[in-house]
Amino acid sequence: MQPPVGKSYHIAIVGATGAVGLELLDVLTRRGFPVQKLRLLASGRSAGKRISFRGEELIIEELREDSFRGIDMAFFSAGGDISRRYVPLAAAAGAVVIDNSSAFRMDPQVPLVIPEINGADVKQHRGIVANPNCTTAVTLMALYPLHLAFGVRRIFASSYQAVSGTGARAIEELRRQVAETNSGAPVTAEVYPHPIAFNVLPHVDSFLANGYTKEEMKMQNEGRRIMHLPDFRASVTCVRVPVYRAHSVAVSAEFERPVSVDEAREVLAKAPGVDLLDEPQRNLYPMPLDAAGKDNCQVGRVRLDCALENGLAFWISGDQLLKGAALNAVQIAELL
């Protein structure tokens, strides 16, 4: 979707030097978003650095309370604490905020939006629109079209989440640990509680009293809001894996109506933002190496679930920095 010709906007990006901030710059360029003026905001230690955008060198400014004067839209991707402090200030200054943190996702006054699913909800905004959790976004891209066809009741899922979801330090930690392991040196862990190289950690985000992590509960809580399904249930185990980029999720979904693999494949083949890669006999299925850097999520391994009534099992991979963050945010801006 391209914005209307003839309009252009004053845009701010908070967290411009982070992984998602840099992706936002690339997505705005690729999709031809009409930016009249761009203000890049970050912490004081990044102020004064330069970033190129559409052939122009822009100077990063320190984020301040008065940074949003004259701004039409502000993308926030600097963590929940920054969002809780500065998002209300940006909205009060007249900017429409698209927030990538978890700060406002469960606020009933703030639309939580995946444009292919509930894009119409942006009309309800009061100055703030929330971007969903990356794993939730990737999963729902495949689950929601199936829900429209068969009526989803509940899912059981396990995620396989890339280290870039944690940030640049995690990427460097994986690289360093691979080198340490290969050279026989002691392996040191700083970002994660245990080494991530040649390992998997069943631990993403902090643990809650019910034994799940915050990340795991987001699938159910955010999924209910996005799909407008207050009774949707999701039992999820989130796992960090030694992959640099793109999350994958194994899903077993139970539906209200009878399902078939052929119908499911037909639905997924037509779903917006999804590529069906489902020829296992030819070793064709989604993988993070292929999904990384691509706008569309990939879904495959579609089969009848042998443990659920009216159940389908499938596997989905998607770039969590794109559909899970920057691309989805820009798509929301296009709707606005």
Protein backbone atom coordinates (compact mmCIF):
# COMPACT_ATOMS: atom_id res chain seq x y z
CA MET A 1 0.00 0.00 0.00
CA GLN A 2 1.39 3.40 -0.96
CA PRO A 3 0.41 6.69 0.72
CA PRO A 4 -1.62 9.27 -1.22
CA VAL A 5 0.35 11.24 -3.77
CA GLY A 6 0.92 14.87 -2.82
CA LYS A 7 1.04 14.46 0.94
CA SER A 8 4.22 14.41 2.98
CA TYR A 9 4.91 14.29 6.66
CA HIS A 10 7.27 15.39 9.40
CA ILE A 11 8.48 12.13 10.94
CA ALA A 12 10.45 11.37 14.10
CA ILE A 13 12.14 8.07 14.96
CA VAL A 14 12.95 7.46 18.61
CA GLY A 15 15.67 4.85 18.96
CA ALA A 16 17.06 5.67 15.54
CA THR A 17 20.42 3.97 16.12
CA GLY A 18 18.94 0.63 17.24
CA ALA A 19 18.28 -2.40 15.08
CA VAL A 20 14.60 -1.56 14.54
CA GLY A 21 15.33 2.15 14.04
CA LEU A 22 17.75 1.38 11.23
CA GLU A 23 15.22 -1.00 9.66
CA LEU A 24 12.60 1.77 9.81
CA LEU A 25 14.84 4.00 7.72
CA ASP A 26 15.22 1.25 5.13
CA VAL A 27 11.50 0.42 5.04
CA LEU A 28 10.49 4.08 4.70
CA THR A 29 12.84 4.32 1.72
CA ARG A 30 11.81 1.04 0.05
CA ARG A 31 8.10 1.76 0.33
CA GLY A 32 8.41 5.36 -0.82
CA PHE A 33 6.81 6.82 2.28
CA PRO A 34 6.39 10.59 1.75
CA VAL A 35 8.76 12.07 4.31
CA GLN A 36 9.08 15.83 4.13
CA LYS A 37 11.32 16.10 7.16
CA LEU A 38 12.90 13.42 9.34
CA ARG A 39 14.08 13.88 12.92
CA LEU A 40 16.27 11.13 14.37
CA LEU A 41 16.22 10.88 18.15
CA ALA A 42 18.29 8.76 20.52
CA SER A 43 20.09 8.90 23.84
CA GLY A 44 22.68 11.54 24.63
CA ARG A 45 25.56 9.19 23.89
CA SER A 46 24.38 8.85 20.27
CA ALA A 47 23.66 12.56 19.75
CA GLY A 48 25.82 14.11 17.06
CA LYS A 49 26.29 10.90 15.08
CA ARG A 50 25.22 10.90 11.44
CA ILE A 51 22.96 8.51 9.55
CA SER A 52 22.27 8.57 5.82
CA PHE A 53 18.67 8.70 4.60
CA ARG A 54 17.80 9.01 0.91
CA GLY A 55 21.21 10.44 0.13
CA GLU A 56 21.17 13.01 2.92
CA GLU A 57 23.30 12.93 6.06
CA LEU A 58 21.11 13.48 9.12
CA ILE A 59 22.42 14.34 12.57
CA ILE A 60 21.01 12.37 15.48
CA GLU A 61 19.51 14.55 18.19
CA GLU A 62 19.20 13.79 21.88
CA LEU A 63 15.67 12.83 22.89
CA ARG A 64 14.09 15.60 24.95
CA GLU A 65 10.63 16.45 26.19
CA ASP A 66 10.25 19.11 23.49
CA SER A 67 11.51 16.94 20.62
CA PHE A 68 8.09 16.52 19.02
CA ARG A 69 7.10 20.06 18.09
CA GLY A 70 5.88 20.08 14.48
CA ILE A 71 6.02 16.27 14.18
CA ASP A 72 3.13 14.51 12.40
CA MET A 73 4.10 10.89 13.16
CA ALA A 74 6.58 9.47 15.65
CA PHE A 75 7.93 5.92 15.58
CA PHE A 76 9.10 4.70 18.98
CA SER A 77 11.50 1.78 19.28
CA ALA A 78 13.59 2.43 22.37
CA GLY A 79 12.02 0.20 25.02
CA GLY A 80 9.08 0.40 27.38
CA ASP A 81 10.57 2.84 29.88
CA ILE A 82 11.30 5.42 27.19
CA SER A 83 7.84 4.92 25.66
CA ARG A 84 6.02 5.31 28.96
CA ARG A 85 7.81 8.62 29.56
CA TYR A 86 7.87 10.20 26.10
CA VAL A 87 4.95 8.75 24.12
CA PRO A 88 2.33 10.81 26.03
CA LEU A 89 4.46 13.92 25.44
CA ALA A 90 4.66 13.22 21.72
CA ALA A 91 0.91 12.64 21.49
CA ALA A 92 0.21 15.80 23.48
CA ALA A 93 2.39 17.73 21.02
CA GLY A 94 0.10 16.60 18.18
CA ALA A 95 2.06 13.66 16.78
CA VAL A 96 0.45 10.30 16.12
CA VAL A 97 2.70 7.75 17.82
CA ILE A 98 3.39 4.23 16.55
CA ASP A 99 4.96 2.47 19.50
CA ASN A 100 6.97 -0.73 19.13
CA SER A 101 7.33 -1.42 22.85
CA SER A 102 4.96 -3.35 25.10
CA ALA A 103 4.07 -0.22 27.11
CA PHE A 104 0.61 0.41 25.60
CA ARG A 105 -0.31 -2.89 23.95
CA MET A 106 -2.87 -3.87 26.56
CA ASP A 107 -4.28 -0.37 27.02
CA PRO A 108 -7.93 -0.57 25.88
CA GLN A 109 -7.67 3.02 24.62
CA VAL A 110 -4.77 2.15 22.29
CA PRO A 111 -5.35 0.09 19.11
CA LEU A 112 -2.99 -2.89 18.76
CA VAL A 113 -2.68 -3.41 15.02
CA ILE A 114 -1.49 -5.82 12.37
CA PRO A 115 -2.73 -4.11 9.17
CA GLU A 116 -3.56 -7.34 7.33
CA ILE A 117 -5.75 -8.45 10.26
CA ASN A 118 -7.32 -5.48 12.04
CA GLY A 119 -6.17 -2.45 10.09
CA ALA A 120 -9.53 -0.74 10.58
CA ASP A 121 -8.75 -0.45 14.29
CA VAL A 122 -6.37 2.45 13.60
CA LYS A 123 -9.45 4.65 13.19
CA GLN A 124 -9.99 4.34 16.94
CA HIS A 125 -6.64 5.85 17.90
CA ARG A 126 -6.37 8.74 20.31
CA GLY A 127 -2.84 9.68 19.34
CA ILE A 128 -1.19 6.29 19.95
CA VAL A 129 -1.15 3.01 17.99
CA ALA A 130 0.72 -0.02 19.37
CA ASN A 131 2.82 -2.44 17.35
CA PRO A 132 2.43 -6.07 18.52
CA ASN A 133 5.05 -8.40 19.88
CA CYS A 134 7.22 -9.77 17.10
CA THR A 135 6.51 -13.46 17.74
CA THR A 136 2.79 -12.76 17.98
CA ALA A 137 2.84 -10.83 14.71
CA VAL A 138 4.66 -13.57 12.81
CA THR A 139 2.35 -16.28 14.16
CA LEU A 140 -0.92 -14.46 13.55
CA MET A 141 -0.02 -13.78 9.92
CA ALA A 142 -0.67 -17.48 9.29
CA LEU A 143 -3.15 -18.21 12.06
CA TYR A 144 -5.66 -15.45 11.32
CA PRO A 145 -6.48 -16.50 7.72
CA LEU A 146 -7.02 -20.02 9.03
CA HIS A 147 -9.23 -18.62 11.77
CA LEU A 148 -11.41 -16.90 9.17
CA ALA A 149 -11.85 -20.22 7.41
CA PHE A 150 -12.24 -22.58 10.37
CA GLY A 151 -12.67 -20.57 13.61
CA VAL A 152 -9.66 -20.95 15.91
CA ARG A 153 -10.29 -22.01 19.54
CA ARG A 154 -6.80 -22.50 20.96
CA ILE A 155 -3.19 -23.14 20.00
CA PHE A 156 -0.14 -24.84 21.41
CA ALA A 157 3.08 -23.32 20.10
CA SER A 158 6.84 -23.25 20.52
CA SER A 159 8.92 -20.36 19.20
CA TYR A 160 12.48 -20.45 17.90
CA GLN A 161 13.60 -16.84 18.36
CA ALA A 162 16.69 -15.26 16.82
CA VAL A 163 19.19 -13.37 18.97
CA SER A 164 18.63 -10.14 17.04
CA GLY A 165 15.33 -9.94 18.89
CA THR A 166 17.39 -9.04 21.95
CA GLY A 167 19.53 -6.45 20.18
CA ALA A 168 22.98 -5.77 18.78
CA ARG A 169 24.80 -6.96 21.91
CA ALA A 170 23.17 -10.37 21.61
CA ILE A 171 24.26 -10.70 17.98
CA GLU A 172 27.83 -9.91 18.99
CA GLU A 173 27.62 -12.35 21.91
CA LEU A 174 26.61 -15.21 19.60
CA ARG A 175 29.47 -14.39 17.22
CA ARG A 176 31.96 -14.19 20.07
CA GLN A 177 30.80 -17.45 21.66
CA VAL A 178 31.06 -19.31 18.35
CA ALA A 179 34.65 -18.10 18.03
CA GLU A 180 35.40 -18.98 21.67
CA THR A 181 33.99 -22.48 21.25
CA ASN A 182 35.87 -23.12 18.01
CA SER A 183 39.17 -21.93 19.50
CA GLY A 184 38.76 -23.86 22.72
CA ALA A 185 38.64 -20.70 24.83
CA PRO A 186 36.30 -20.36 27.82
CA VAL A 187 32.82 -19.33 26.72
CA THR A 188 31.55 -16.20 28.44
CA ALA A 189 27.88 -15.17 28.71
CA GLU A 190 26.83 -11.57 29.39
CA VAL A 191 23.54 -10.87 27.57
CA TYR A 192 21.89 -14.23 28.31
CA PRO A 193 22.11 -16.25 31.55
CA HIS A 194 23.79 -19.13 29.68
CA PRO A 195 25.79 -19.49 26.45
CA ILE A 196 23.60 -19.25 23.34
CA ALA A 197 26.12 -20.61 20.82
CA PHE A 198 25.41 -24.30 20.07
CA ASN A 199 22.62 -24.14 22.64
CA VAL A 200 18.92 -23.28 23.04
CA LEU A 201 17.45 -21.39 25.98
CA PRO A 202 13.80 -22.02 26.98
CA HIS A 203 13.78 -18.54 28.47
CA VAL A 204 12.65 -15.38 26.67
CA ASP A 205 11.70 -12.44 28.94
CA SER A 206 11.07 -12.73 32.68
CA PHE A 207 9.13 -15.51 34.41
CA LEU A 208 5.66 -14.95 35.86
CA ALA A 209 3.92 -16.55 38.83
CA ASN A 210 2.12 -19.03 36.53
CA GLY A 211 5.43 -20.42 35.25
CA TYR A 212 5.12 -18.85 31.80
CA THR A 213 7.26 -15.91 30.73
CA LYS A 214 5.92 -12.49 29.79
CA GLU A 215 6.84 -13.25 26.17
CA GLU A 216 4.83 -16.47 26.22
CA MET A 217 1.70 -14.81 27.56
CA LYS A 218 1.81 -12.10 24.89
CA MET A 219 0.58 -14.56 22.26
CA GLN A 220 -2.69 -15.11 24.11
CA ASN A 221 -3.17 -11.59 25.47
CA GLU A 222 -2.26 -9.72 22.28
CA GLY A 223 -3.87 -12.31 20.04
CA ARG A 224 -7.22 -11.74 21.75
CA ARG A 225 -7.05 -8.01 21.05
CA ILE A 226 -5.79 -8.23 17.47
CA MET A 227 -8.17 -10.97 16.34
CA HIS A 228 -11.08 -9.66 18.45
CA LEU A 229 -11.34 -13.09 20.11
CA PRO A 230 -11.71 -12.67 23.88
CA ASP A 231 -11.80 -16.45 24.47
CA PHE A 232 -8.69 -17.29 22.40
CA ARG A 233 -6.24 -19.47 24.32
CA ALA A 234 -2.54 -20.03 23.65
CA SER A 235 -0.08 -22.22 25.54
CA VAL A 236 3.36 -21.18 24.33
CA THR A 237 6.98 -22.02 25.08
CA CYS A 238 9.38 -19.35 23.81
CA VAL A 239 12.91 -20.50 23.03
CA ARG A 240 15.99 -18.48 22.11
CA VAL A 241 18.07 -20.23 19.44
CA PRO A 242 21.51 -19.53 17.93
CA VAL A 243 20.10 -17.88 14.80
CA TYR A 244 21.01 -14.30 13.92
CA ARG A 245 17.78 -13.12 12.33
CA ALA A 246 14.14 -14.22 11.79
CA HIS A 247 11.89 -16.01 14.26
CA SER A 248 10.16 -19.34 13.63
CA VAL A 249 7.14 -20.83 15.38
CA ALA A 250 5.72 -24.37 15.45
CA VAL A 251 1.94 -24.18 15.92
CA SER A 252 -0.73 -26.75 16.67
CA ALA A 253 -4.13 -25.08 16.33
CA GLU A 254 -7.56 -26.41 17.18
CA PHE A 255 -10.57 -25.07 15.27
CA GLU A 256 -14.33 -25.02 15.72
CA ARG A 257 -15.07 -26.43 12.27
CA PRO A 258 -13.68 -29.45 10.41
CA VAL A 259 -10.40 -28.76 8.65
CA SER A 260 -8.54 -30.16 5.67
CA VAL A 261 -4.98 -29.71 4.53
CA ASP A 262 -6.02 -28.81 0.98
CA GLU A 263 -8.39 -26.09 2.19
CA ALA A 264 -5.77 -24.76 4.60
CA ARG A 265 -3.15 -24.55 1.86
CA GLU A 266 -5.62 -22.78 -0.41
CA VAL A 267 -6.37 -20.24 2.32
CA LEU A 268 -2.70 -19.62 3.10
CA ALA A 269 -1.76 -19.33 -0.58
CA LYS A 270 -4.15 -16.36 -0.86
CA ALA A 271 -3.36 -14.73 2.49
CA PRO A 272 -1.80 -11.24 2.30
CA GLY A 273 1.74 -10.96 3.60
CA VAL A 274 2.26 -14.73 3.56
CA ASP A 275 4.20 -17.02 1.21
CA LEU A 276 3.24 -20.71 1.21
CA LEU A 277 6.34 -22.93 1.08
CA ASP A 278 4.95 -26.40 1.61
CA GLU A 279 6.57 -29.09 -0.51
CA PRO A 280 8.40 -31.21 2.08
CA GLN A 281 9.08 -33.96 -0.47
CA ARG A 282 11.33 -31.42 -2.22
CA ASN A 283 12.75 -30.16 1.09
CA LEU A 284 10.80 -26.92 0.60
CA TYR A 285 9.64 -25.38 3.87
CA PRO A 286 10.18 -22.11 5.75
CA MET A 287 13.57 -21.47 7.31
CA PRO A 288 14.94 -18.38 9.06
CA LEU A 289 17.84 -18.14 6.62
CA ASP A 290 15.34 -17.68 3.80
CA ALA A 291 12.89 -15.51 5.72
CA ALA A 292 15.53 -13.05 6.93
CA GLY A 293 15.30 -9.77 5.05
CA LYS A 294 11.94 -10.58 3.46
CA ASP A 295 8.73 -8.63 4.08
CA ASN A 296 6.42 -11.65 3.84
CA CYS A 297 6.23 -14.40 6.42
CA GLN A 298 6.65 -17.96 5.19
CA VAL A 299 4.41 -20.87 6.21
CA GLY A 300 4.67 -24.59 5.51
CA ARG A 301 4.68 -28.12 7.00
CA VAL A 302 0.87 -27.86 6.97
CA ARG A 303 -0.67 -31.10 8.19
CA LEU A 304 -3.57 -32.48 10.21
CA ASP A 305 -2.71 -32.43 13.89
CA CYS A 306 -2.89 -36.01 15.15
CA ALA A 307 -3.56 -35.00 18.78
CA LEU A 308 -6.28 -32.34 18.39
CA GLU A 309 -9.85 -32.49 17.17
CA ASN A 310 -10.21 -30.32 14.05
CA GLY A 311 -6.52 -29.55 14.38
CA LEU A 312 -3.85 -28.27 12.03
CA ALA A 313 -0.11 -28.17 12.63
CA PHE A 314 2.09 -25.75 10.71
CA TRP A 315 5.47 -24.00 10.82
CA ILE A 316 6.04 -20.31 10.14
CA SER A 317 9.17 -18.18 9.80
CA GLY A 318 9.28 -14.39 9.60
CA ASP A 319 11.76 -11.57 9.96
CA GLN A 320 11.05 -10.16 13.41
CA LEU A 321 12.81 -6.89 12.59
CA LEU A 322 10.47 -6.39 9.60
CA LYS A 323 6.97 -7.84 10.00
CA GLY A 324 7.62 -8.14 13.71
CA ALA A 325 8.60 -4.48 14.05
CA ALA A 326 9.66 -1.93 11.41
CA LEU A 327 7.58 -3.07 8.42
CA ASN A 328 4.42 -3.44 10.49
CA ALA A 329 4.98 0.04 11.96
CA VAL A 330 5.33 1.63 8.53
CA GLN A 331 2.25 -0.24 7.30
CA ILE A 332 0.36 1.30 10.22
CA ALA A 333 1.68 4.73 9.21
CA GLU A 334 0.42 4.12 5.67
CA LEU A 335 -3.04 3.34 7.02
CA LEU A 336 -2.97 6.51 9.09
